[in-house]
Amino acid sequence: MMAPNEGVPPAATAGGAAAVAEPAAAPPRRRGRGRGRLTPPSWTAAAFLLPALLLLGFLVVYPIVYSVIRSFFDAQGDSFAGVDNYTGVFQGHDNLVAVRNTAIWVVVAPTVVTIVGLLFAVLTERVRWSTAFKMVVFMPMAISFLASGVIFRLVYQQDPDKGVANAAMVAVHDMFRSGTTYPGAGPRSGGNQPVRDEGGAVVTAGTFSAGQSALVPLLKVKPEYLPEDAAPAAPAPKAAPGQLTGTVWFDFTKGGGGAPNAPNAGESGLPGLKVEAVRGGKVVAKATTRADGTFTLKKVPPGPVAVRLPKANFTAAYGGAEWLGGTLITPAIIGSYLWVWSGFAMVLIAAGLAAIPRDALEAARVDGATEWQVFRRVTIPLLAPVLVVVLVTLVINVLKVFDLVFVIGGGDPDAGVLALRMWTETFGGGDDPGAGSAIAVLLFLLVLPAMLFNIRRLRQERE
């Protein structure tokens, strides 16, 4: 006979239910030396990073430390100057202009570039040739700031025959307000002349009435200002009742000869001049000279009137704006910066647009939102992180702008910024490395918060 528990596994429970015994844990496996490690030891990574760290320290850390120390010494580096170099940044006309211009750059340039990049990115989503457009807009990024400065130095030339900007302005101006001018022209000097100079205008010495003719001879007309359609001067046509006629001409005969104050053979009429009939300081009739210099004033009221050629006839023709001087030089340089960096902003913002869920946009449209409402209340909030990164990156770049200001401004103090003042004080004739180092440290302190903000934002997005 078998015992009661004979044949029952040792692990059987009192209730008769059998439990499967868990296998005993295997003893820890002894790893061979150098085996089983998925990553190299930290000292290996440090050894590979050491050359880069040394180079980085030599090129970045050492200049920063040296600049901070040097900023507390005078120009020669012998005497301790304290904070005088830092307070000097905000003293003197050129330094104050540089501080003002830097503030304008920081506020205006990144904002305008971001807005233009946003518009380009949004609008190019709706055209079939968006890739070609983006390539053209981004192409200036391949050009150095030095070359861009040379290009815009030519664009902003004052002479409309050389500068593209003024050529376009003159063309638009002449479309709406055309006219021929003769700068420097005027009457013959001396007494007893038929016309005289009156505050830049030319006025007849005597008065005329309707039905009469007036002769207005002029001298000092430069050949380059004579229009191609100028014809030989002709006698004044016969005046009809209520009309006053006359001739304005260049009273000079080539080779000499001819009677003064009368149209002679070979003398040129002056077309395009504005002519006025004046009585008591009020203009009562107007006309414009023809190709042969003749004019007809119609509806002249009874009574004596004087014939006047307004001052505008003798001022220089419109030549566009003075881009590289005075008030416009900083906006002009910011315009060139926009040309270079708008492609950068467009590409980053376009990448952010591509990541926006289309379901959110379509849901807003289905709910009845207009395109402007979709853009303002859906697209912009979803793009906010990208826009902030672009804006902060441009602020960092703007604080360091130097090439464009140096090349386009040509050393004009009205265009100066802090980065240019730093170079001028140290290497550009100022011979004061202490002051230059102080400006460099100030720029570093201004850039540092923006850099830290950008790094923090990128880390948050990555997490």
Protein backbone atom coordinates (compact mmCIF):
# COMPACT_ATOMS: atom_id res chain seq x y z
CA MET A 1 0.00 0.00 0.00
CA MET A 2 1.03 3.56 -0.68
CA ALA A 3 1.46 6.11 2.00
CA PRO A 4 -1.10 8.97 2.07
CA ASN A 5 1.28 11.49 0.67
CA GLU A 6 3.17 9.16 -1.50
CA GLY A 7 3.32 10.34 -5.09
CA VAL A 8 2.17 13.87 -4.18
CA PRO A 9 4.57 16.63 -5.11
CA PRO A 10 6.31 18.21 -2.18
CA ALA A 11 4.91 21.62 -3.02
CA ALA A 12 1.24 20.51 -2.72
CA THR A 13 -0.89 22.67 -0.48
CA ALA A 14 -3.10 21.54 2.33
CA GLY A 15 -6.24 22.11 0.30
CA GLY A 16 -5.05 19.80 -2.39
CA ALA A 17 -4.37 22.53 -4.94
CA ALA A 18 -0.99 22.21 -6.50
CA ALA A 19 1.14 25.26 -6.99
CA VAL A 20 3.89 25.40 -9.54
CA ALA A 21 7.12 26.15 -7.84
CA GLU A 22 8.92 29.19 -9.29
CA PRO A 23 12.37 28.40 -10.61
CA ALA A 24 15.18 29.62 -8.51
CA ALA A 25 16.79 32.87 -9.66
CA ALA A 26 19.84 32.32 -11.74
CA PRO A 27 23.04 33.45 -10.13
CA PRO A 28 24.32 36.84 -11.39
CA ARG A 29 26.26 36.50 -14.55
CA ARG A 30 29.79 37.63 -14.25
CA ARG A 31 30.51 40.13 -16.98
CA GLY A 32 33.80 39.98 -18.61
CA ARG A 33 36.02 42.96 -18.45
CA GLY A 34 34.93 45.57 -20.97
CA ARG A 35 31.81 43.63 -22.00
CA GLY A 36 28.13 44.52 -21.54
CA ARG A 37 28.65 48.36 -21.56
CA LEU A 38 26.45 50.06 -24.15
CA THR A 39 28.07 53.51 -23.87
CA PRO A 40 31.72 54.45 -23.64
CA PRO A 41 33.03 55.67 -20.31
CA SER A 42 32.71 59.33 -19.52
CA TRP A 43 36.44 59.92 -19.65
CA THR A 44 36.44 58.86 -23.32
CA ALA A 45 33.78 61.44 -24.19
CA ALA A 46 35.69 64.07 -22.22
CA ALA A 47 38.87 63.22 -24.12
CA PHE A 48 37.11 63.74 -27.44
CA LEU A 49 35.51 66.99 -26.25
CA LEU A 50 38.72 68.40 -24.79
CA PRO A 51 40.16 69.82 -28.06
CA ALA A 52 36.85 71.50 -28.89
CA LEU A 53 36.59 72.87 -25.36
CA LEU A 54 40.11 74.25 -25.51
CA LEU A 55 39.44 75.89 -28.87
CA LEU A 56 36.14 77.27 -27.63
CA GLY A 57 37.77 78.63 -24.50
CA PHE A 58 40.53 80.28 -26.52
CA LEU A 59 38.19 81.84 -29.08
CA VAL A 60 35.22 82.71 -26.85
CA VAL A 61 35.86 82.57 -23.11
CA TYR A 62 39.29 84.23 -23.13
CA PRO A 63 38.17 87.24 -25.28
CA ILE A 64 35.13 87.76 -23.05
CA VAL A 65 37.20 87.70 -19.86
CA TYR A 66 39.90 89.90 -21.35
CA SER A 67 37.33 92.42 -22.66
CA VAL A 68 35.70 92.67 -19.23
CA ILE A 69 39.06 93.30 -17.57
CA ARG A 70 40.20 95.75 -20.28
CA SER A 71 36.98 97.75 -20.03
CA PHE A 72 38.03 98.97 -16.56
CA PHE A 73 41.29 100.55 -17.77
CA ASP A 74 42.09 103.67 -19.72
CA ALA A 75 43.10 103.92 -23.39
CA GLN A 76 46.72 102.95 -22.70
CA GLY A 77 45.77 100.15 -20.33
CA ASP A 78 47.99 101.47 -17.55
CA SER A 79 45.55 103.23 -15.20
CA PHE A 80 42.42 101.83 -13.65
CA ALA A 81 39.43 103.83 -14.94
CA GLY A 82 36.63 102.20 -12.99
CA VAL A 83 33.25 102.60 -14.65
CA ASP A 84 34.26 105.71 -16.61
CA ASN A 85 34.30 103.75 -19.87
CA TYR A 86 30.77 102.51 -19.21
CA THR A 87 29.38 105.92 -18.34
CA GLY A 88 31.15 107.32 -21.41
CA VAL A 89 28.99 105.16 -23.64
CA PHE A 90 26.09 107.48 -22.81
CA GLN A 91 28.06 110.70 -23.23
CA GLY A 92 28.95 112.62 -26.37
CA HIS A 93 26.90 113.23 -29.50
CA ASP A 94 28.13 110.24 -31.53
CA ASN A 95 27.64 107.78 -28.67
CA LEU A 96 24.13 109.04 -27.93
CA VAL A 97 23.21 108.80 -31.61
CA ALA A 98 24.55 105.23 -31.65
CA VAL A 99 22.47 104.31 -28.58
CA ARG A 100 19.37 105.86 -30.14
CA ASN A 101 19.90 104.11 -33.46
CA THR A 102 20.51 100.78 -31.74
CA ALA A 103 17.19 101.16 -29.91
CA ILE A 104 15.47 101.94 -33.22
CA TRP A 105 17.06 98.86 -34.81
CA VAL A 106 15.99 96.59 -31.93
CA VAL A 107 12.39 97.81 -31.99
CA VAL A 108 11.80 98.25 -35.73
CA ALA A 109 13.95 95.79 -37.67
CA PRO A 110 12.98 92.46 -36.00
CA THR A 111 9.31 93.45 -35.92
CA VAL A 112 9.16 94.45 -39.59
CA VAL A 113 11.16 91.42 -40.74
CA THR A 114 8.93 89.05 -38.75
CA ILE A 115 5.74 90.64 -40.11
CA VAL A 116 6.99 90.53 -43.70
CA GLY A 117 8.17 86.94 -43.28
CA LEU A 118 4.77 86.00 -41.85
CA LEU A 119 2.95 87.60 -44.78
CA PHE A 120 5.19 85.88 -47.31
CA ALA A 121 4.79 82.52 -45.58
CA VAL A 122 1.00 82.76 -45.39
CA LEU A 123 0.45 84.10 -48.90
CA THR A 124 2.83 81.67 -50.60
CA GLU A 125 0.73 78.78 -49.30
CA ARG A 126 -1.98 79.81 -51.76
CA VAL A 127 0.08 80.03 -54.95
CA ARG A 128 1.32 77.19 -57.11
CA TRP A 129 4.74 78.74 -57.68
CA SER A 130 5.46 79.15 -53.96
CA THR A 131 8.72 77.18 -54.14
CA ALA A 132 10.18 79.51 -56.76
CA PHE A 133 9.04 82.58 -54.81
CA LYS A 134 10.56 81.30 -51.57
CA MET A 135 13.83 80.57 -53.35
CA VAL A 136 13.99 84.11 -54.74
CA VAL A 137 13.18 85.69 -51.36
CA PHE A 138 15.66 83.47 -49.52
CA MET A 139 18.44 84.03 -52.07
CA PRO A 140 19.84 87.21 -50.41
CA MET A 141 20.78 85.06 -47.40
CA ALA A 142 23.49 83.54 -49.61
CA ILE A 143 25.06 87.00 -50.04
CA SER A 144 27.39 88.36 -47.40
CA PHE A 145 26.47 91.52 -45.52
CA LEU A 146 29.47 93.23 -47.11
CA ALA A 147 28.23 92.48 -50.63
CA SER A 148 24.68 93.45 -49.65
CA GLY A 149 25.99 96.76 -48.35
CA VAL A 150 27.79 97.45 -51.63
CA ILE A 151 24.62 96.64 -53.57
CA PHE A 152 22.46 98.99 -51.52
CA ARG A 153 25.11 101.67 -51.51
CA LEU A 154 24.53 101.78 -55.27
CA VAL A 155 20.76 101.49 -54.92
CA TYR A 156 20.66 104.57 -52.69
CA GLN A 157 22.82 106.80 -54.90
CA GLN A 158 21.47 110.36 -55.07
CA ASP A 159 21.74 110.65 -58.87
CA PRO A 160 18.58 109.10 -60.41
CA ASP A 161 20.71 107.94 -63.35
CA LYS A 162 22.71 105.74 -60.96
CA GLY A 163 20.52 105.01 -57.93
CA VAL A 164 17.62 102.62 -58.48
CA ALA A 165 15.60 103.98 -55.55
CA ASN A 166 15.66 107.58 -56.76
CA ALA A 167 15.13 106.51 -60.37
CA ALA A 168 11.89 104.81 -59.32
CA MET A 169 10.82 107.80 -57.22
CA VAL A 170 11.50 110.26 -60.04
CA ALA A 171 9.57 108.09 -62.50
CA VAL A 172 6.54 107.94 -60.18
CA HIS A 173 6.80 111.66 -59.42
CA ASP A 174 6.92 112.61 -63.09
CA MET A 175 3.84 110.49 -63.81
CA PHE A 176 1.71 112.72 -61.59
CA ARG A 177 3.58 115.99 -61.77
CA SER A 178 5.59 116.55 -64.89
CA GLY A 179 7.16 119.80 -65.99
CA THR A 180 10.26 121.30 -67.51
CA THR A 181 12.56 123.39 -65.36
CA TYR A 182 15.58 125.51 -66.17
CA PRO A 183 17.72 125.74 -63.00
CA GLY A 184 19.88 128.86 -62.88
CA ALA A 185 18.13 130.66 -65.74
CA GLY A 186 17.18 134.31 -65.22
CA PRO A 187 16.81 137.75 -66.85
CA ARG A 188 19.59 139.92 -68.18
CA SER A 189 21.10 142.05 -65.44
CA GLY A 190 21.25 145.81 -65.68
CA GLY A 191 18.70 148.62 -65.76
CA ASN A 192 15.96 149.25 -68.27
CA GLN A 193 15.33 145.58 -69.00
CA PRO A 194 11.92 144.17 -70.00
CA VAL A 195 11.97 141.59 -67.16
CA ARG A 196 13.47 141.45 -63.69
CA ASP A 197 14.15 138.92 -60.93
CA GLU A 198 11.69 139.03 -58.06
CA GLY A 199 12.46 136.55 -55.29
CA GLY A 200 13.47 133.82 -57.74
CA ALA A 201 10.54 134.46 -60.10
CA VAL A 202 10.83 136.42 -63.34
CA VAL A 203 8.34 139.29 -63.72
CA THR A 204 7.88 141.77 -66.56
CA ALA A 205 8.91 145.32 -65.74
CA GLY A 206 5.79 146.75 -67.40
CA THR A 207 2.14 145.76 -67.45
CA PHE A 208 -0.01 144.51 -70.30
CA SER A 209 -3.66 144.34 -71.17
CA ALA A 210 -5.75 141.80 -73.04
CA GLY A 211 -5.02 141.91 -76.76
CA GLN A 212 -1.31 142.73 -76.28
CA SER A 213 1.87 140.57 -76.45
CA ALA A 214 4.76 140.30 -73.99
CA LEU A 215 8.39 139.34 -74.60
CA VAL A 216 10.24 137.51 -71.82
CA PRO A 217 13.93 136.95 -72.69
CA LEU A 218 16.04 134.72 -70.45
CA LEU A 219 19.76 134.03 -70.13
CA LYS A 220 21.98 131.51 -68.34
CA VAL A 221 20.09 128.51 -69.69
CA LYS A 222 22.34 125.45 -69.55
CA PRO A 223 22.32 123.33 -72.72
CA GLU A 224 21.64 120.12 -70.79
CA TYR A 225 18.32 121.56 -69.59
CA LEU A 226 17.02 122.35 -73.08
CA PRO A 227 14.38 119.76 -74.02
CA GLU A 228 14.78 117.79 -77.22
CA ASP A 229 11.48 119.18 -78.51
CA ALA A 230 12.60 122.82 -78.18
CA ALA A 231 11.99 124.70 -81.44
CA PRO A 232 13.45 128.00 -82.67
CA ALA A 233 11.93 130.99 -80.92
CA ALA A 234 8.96 132.47 -82.72
CA PRO A 235 7.33 135.89 -82.44
CA ALA A 236 4.31 136.07 -80.15
CA PRO A 237 1.08 135.16 -81.95
CA LYS A 238 -1.60 137.78 -82.45
CA ALA A 239 -3.80 138.05 -79.38
CA ALA A 240 -7.54 137.65 -79.68
CA PRO A 241 -9.91 139.68 -77.51
CA GLY A 242 -9.59 138.63 -73.88
CA GLN A 243 -6.21 137.00 -74.51
CA LEU A 244 -2.62 137.93 -73.75
CA THR A 245 0.16 136.30 -75.79
CA GLY A 246 3.93 136.31 -75.57
CA THR A 247 7.22 134.49 -76.10
CA VAL A 248 9.76 133.12 -73.62
CA TRP A 249 13.08 132.25 -75.23
CA PHE A 250 16.80 131.83 -74.68
CA ASP A 251 18.09 135.26 -75.73
CA PHE A 252 21.47 134.06 -76.93
CA THR A 253 22.68 133.66 -80.51
CA LYS A 254 25.45 131.18 -81.12
CA GLY A 255 28.44 132.89 -82.67
CA GLY A 256 27.27 136.32 -81.54
CA GLY A 257 25.11 138.90 -83.23
CA GLY A 258 21.40 139.47 -83.00
CA ALA A 259 19.46 142.20 -81.26
CA PRO A 260 18.96 141.80 -77.51
CA ASN A 261 15.47 141.41 -76.02
CA ALA A 262 14.02 140.25 -79.34
CA PRO A 263 13.75 136.74 -80.85
CA ASN A 264 16.49 136.26 -83.43
CA ALA A 265 17.21 133.49 -85.89
CA GLY A 266 19.03 130.64 -84.23
CA GLU A 267 17.70 131.40 -80.76
CA SER A 268 15.72 128.64 -79.01
CA GLY A 269 12.30 128.84 -77.48
CA LEU A 270 11.85 127.51 -73.95
CA PRO A 271 8.95 125.03 -73.83
CA GLY A 272 7.19 123.76 -70.72
CA LEU A 273 7.44 126.96 -68.64
CA LYS A 274 4.52 127.98 -66.45
CA VAL A 275 3.31 131.52 -67.18
CA GLU A 276 0.94 133.57 -65.01
CA ALA A 277 -0.92 136.84 -65.39
CA VAL A 278 -0.80 138.63 -62.03
CA ARG A 279 -2.76 141.61 -60.72
CA GLY A 280 -2.44 142.83 -57.15
CA GLY A 281 -0.56 139.71 -56.12
CA LYS A 282 -3.33 137.41 -57.41
CA VAL A 283 -3.06 135.09 -60.39
CA VAL A 284 -5.83 135.80 -62.90
CA ALA A 285 -4.74 133.56 -65.79
CA LYS A 286 -2.30 130.68 -66.44
CA ALA A 287 -0.62 129.12 -69.46
CA THR A 288 2.31 126.92 -70.48
CA THR A 289 4.83 127.76 -73.18
CA ARG A 290 4.83 125.76 -76.41
CA ALA A 291 7.84 124.18 -78.15
CA ASP A 292 8.77 127.55 -79.74
CA GLY A 293 8.37 129.41 -76.44
CA THR A 294 5.07 131.10 -77.29
CA PHE A 295 2.15 131.17 -74.87
CA THR A 296 -1.45 132.34 -74.77
CA LEU A 297 -3.14 133.51 -71.57
CA LYS A 298 -6.90 133.15 -72.01
CA LYS A 299 -9.76 134.90 -70.24
CA VAL A 300 -7.59 137.77 -69.05
CA PRO A 301 -9.87 140.29 -67.26
CA PRO A 302 -9.83 143.92 -68.36
CA GLY A 303 -7.13 146.08 -66.88
CA PRO A 304 -3.34 145.96 -66.60
CA VAL A 305 -1.61 142.76 -65.53
CA ALA A 306 2.02 141.69 -65.13
CA VAL A 307 3.41 138.53 -66.70
CA ARG A 308 5.26 136.28 -64.26
CA LEU A 309 7.27 133.10 -64.57
CA PRO A 310 6.95 131.39 -61.14
CA LYS A 311 10.01 130.41 -59.12
CA ALA A 312 9.23 126.72 -59.64
CA ASN A 313 10.37 127.10 -63.27
CA PHE A 314 13.92 127.75 -62.15
CA THR A 315 14.42 125.27 -59.33
CA ALA A 316 16.22 121.99 -59.87
CA ALA A 317 14.10 119.12 -61.11
CA TYR A 318 12.93 116.55 -58.59
CA GLY A 319 15.83 114.18 -57.98
CA GLY A 320 14.39 111.83 -55.38
CA ALA A 321 15.19 111.49 -51.68
CA GLU A 322 18.51 111.87 -49.92
CA TRP A 323 18.71 108.29 -48.68
CA LEU A 324 22.27 108.37 -47.38
CA GLY A 325 22.07 111.48 -45.27
CA GLY A 326 20.15 113.08 -42.46
CA THR A 327 16.94 111.47 -41.32
CA LEU A 328 16.57 108.69 -43.89
CA ILE A 329 19.91 106.93 -43.55
CA THR A 330 18.90 104.61 -40.68
CA PRO A 331 15.54 103.61 -42.26
CA ALA A 332 17.38 103.03 -45.54
CA ILE A 333 19.85 100.64 -43.91
CA ILE A 334 17.01 98.86 -42.11
CA GLY A 335 15.41 98.43 -45.55
CA SER A 336 18.51 96.63 -46.79
CA TYR A 337 18.44 94.44 -43.65
CA LEU A 338 14.83 93.57 -44.47
CA TRP A 339 15.89 92.52 -47.96
CA VAL A 340 18.50 90.13 -46.55
CA TRP A 341 16.64 88.59 -43.60
CA SER A 342 13.01 88.41 -44.71
CA GLY A 343 13.75 85.09 -46.43
CA PHE A 344 15.09 83.66 -43.15
CA ALA A 345 11.92 84.63 -41.29
CA MET A 346 9.73 83.35 -44.11
CA VAL A 347 11.34 79.89 -44.17
CA LEU A 348 11.08 79.37 -40.39
CA ILE A 349 7.50 80.60 -40.24
CA ALA A 350 6.54 78.49 -43.27
CA ALA A 351 7.89 75.44 -41.45
CA GLY A 352 5.72 76.35 -38.47
CA LEU A 353 2.70 76.75 -40.73
CA ALA A 354 3.27 73.31 -42.21
CA ALA A 355 3.12 71.82 -38.68
CA ILE A 356 -0.24 73.38 -37.83
CA PRO A 357 -3.04 70.76 -37.80
CA ARG A 358 -5.29 71.39 -40.79
CA ASP A 359 -8.25 70.07 -38.80
CA ALA A 360 -8.16 73.16 -36.58
CA LEU A 361 -8.27 75.49 -39.57
CA GLU A 362 -11.03 73.56 -41.30
CA ALA A 363 -13.08 73.38 -38.11
CA ALA A 364 -12.91 77.17 -37.78
CA ARG A 365 -14.01 77.60 -41.39
CA VAL A 366 -16.89 75.16 -40.92
CA ASP A 367 -18.00 77.17 -37.89
CA GLY A 368 -18.34 80.20 -40.17
CA ALA A 369 -15.10 82.04 -39.46
CA THR A 370 -13.75 84.28 -42.21
CA GLU A 371 -10.20 83.89 -43.47
CA TRP A 372 -9.10 86.91 -41.45
CA GLN A 373 -10.65 85.46 -38.30
CA VAL A 374 -9.00 82.09 -38.97
CA PHE A 375 -5.67 83.83 -39.42
CA ARG A 376 -6.01 86.05 -36.35
CA ARG A 377 -7.60 83.61 -33.88
CA VAL A 378 -6.25 80.24 -35.00
CA THR A 379 -3.13 80.59 -37.11
CA ILE A 380 -1.40 83.31 -35.09
CA PRO A 381 -1.90 81.63 -31.65
CA LEU A 382 -0.63 78.31 -32.99
CA LEU A 383 2.34 80.08 -34.61
CA ALA A 384 3.18 82.12 -31.51
CA PRO A 385 6.12 79.93 -30.38
CA VAL A 386 7.72 80.09 -33.83
CA LEU A 387 7.16 83.84 -34.11
CA VAL A 388 8.77 84.40 -30.72
CA VAL A 389 11.84 82.35 -31.68
CA VAL A 390 12.19 84.25 -34.97
CA LEU A 391 11.75 87.61 -33.25
CA VAL A 392 14.27 86.90 -30.49
CA THR A 393 16.80 85.50 -32.98
CA LEU A 394 16.52 88.69 -35.05
CA VAL A 395 16.94 90.84 -31.93
CA ILE A 396 20.20 89.04 -31.17
CA ASN A 397 21.36 89.54 -34.74
CA VAL A 398 20.35 93.21 -34.83
CA LEU A 399 22.34 94.06 -31.71
CA LYS A 400 25.47 92.88 -33.54
CA VAL A 401 24.78 94.51 -36.92
CA PHE A 402 27.92 96.14 -38.27
CA ASP A 403 28.61 95.36 -41.93
CA LEU A 404 25.57 97.03 -43.45
CA VAL A 405 25.94 100.16 -41.32
CA PHE A 406 29.65 100.41 -42.05
CA VAL A 407 29.36 99.96 -45.83
CA ILE A 408 26.13 101.82 -46.56
CA GLY A 409 26.57 104.54 -43.95
CA GLY A 410 30.12 105.23 -45.06
CA GLY A 411 31.16 106.46 -41.62
CA ASP A 412 28.26 108.92 -41.25
CA PRO A 413 27.74 109.48 -37.49
CA ASP A 414 23.99 109.74 -38.06
CA ALA A 415 23.97 106.04 -39.04
CA GLY A 416 26.10 104.80 -36.13
CA VAL A 417 25.11 101.89 -33.88
CA LEU A 418 26.82 100.46 -30.81
CA ALA A 419 28.58 97.69 -32.74
CA LEU A 420 30.05 100.25 -35.13
CA ARG A 421 31.06 102.53 -32.25
CA MET A 422 32.83 99.58 -30.64
CA TRP A 423 34.93 99.11 -33.79
CA THR A 424 35.49 102.86 -34.22
CA GLU A 425 36.67 103.37 -30.64
CA THR A 426 39.05 100.40 -30.79
CA PHE A 427 40.31 100.17 -34.37
CA GLY A 428 38.70 102.94 -36.44
CA GLY A 429 40.70 105.91 -35.20
CA GLY A 430 39.49 106.22 -31.62
CA ASP A 431 42.57 104.39 -30.24
CA ASP A 432 40.73 103.63 -27.01
CA PRO A 433 40.47 99.86 -26.43
CA GLY A 434 39.04 100.51 -22.99
CA ALA A 435 36.00 102.34 -24.35
CA GLY A 436 35.61 99.78 -27.12
CA SER A 437 35.75 96.93 -24.60
CA ALA A 438 33.10 98.63 -22.47
CA ILE A 439 30.76 98.81 -25.47
CA ALA A 440 31.52 95.15 -26.25
CA VAL A 441 30.64 94.10 -22.71
CA LEU A 442 27.47 96.17 -22.83
CA LEU A 443 26.43 94.47 -26.07
CA PHE A 444 27.17 91.08 -24.54
CA LEU A 445 24.94 91.89 -21.56
CA LEU A 446 22.18 93.02 -23.91
CA VAL A 447 22.43 89.87 -26.03
CA LEU A 448 22.68 87.44 -23.10
CA PRO A 449 19.02 87.62 -21.92
CA ALA A 450 17.76 87.12 -25.46
CA MET A 451 20.05 84.12 -25.91
CA LEU A 452 18.95 82.55 -22.64
CA PHE A 453 15.30 83.12 -23.52
CA ASN A 454 15.79 81.47 -26.90
CA ILE A 455 17.58 78.48 -25.39
CA ARG A 456 14.86 78.05 -22.78
CA ARG A 457 12.15 78.23 -25.43
CA LEU A 458 13.87 75.62 -27.60
CA ARG A 459 14.27 73.28 -24.61
CA GLN A 460 10.60 73.62 -23.72
CA GLU A 461 9.57 72.80 -27.27
CA ARG A 462 11.86 69.80 -27.35
CA GLU A 463 10.46 68.48 -24.05
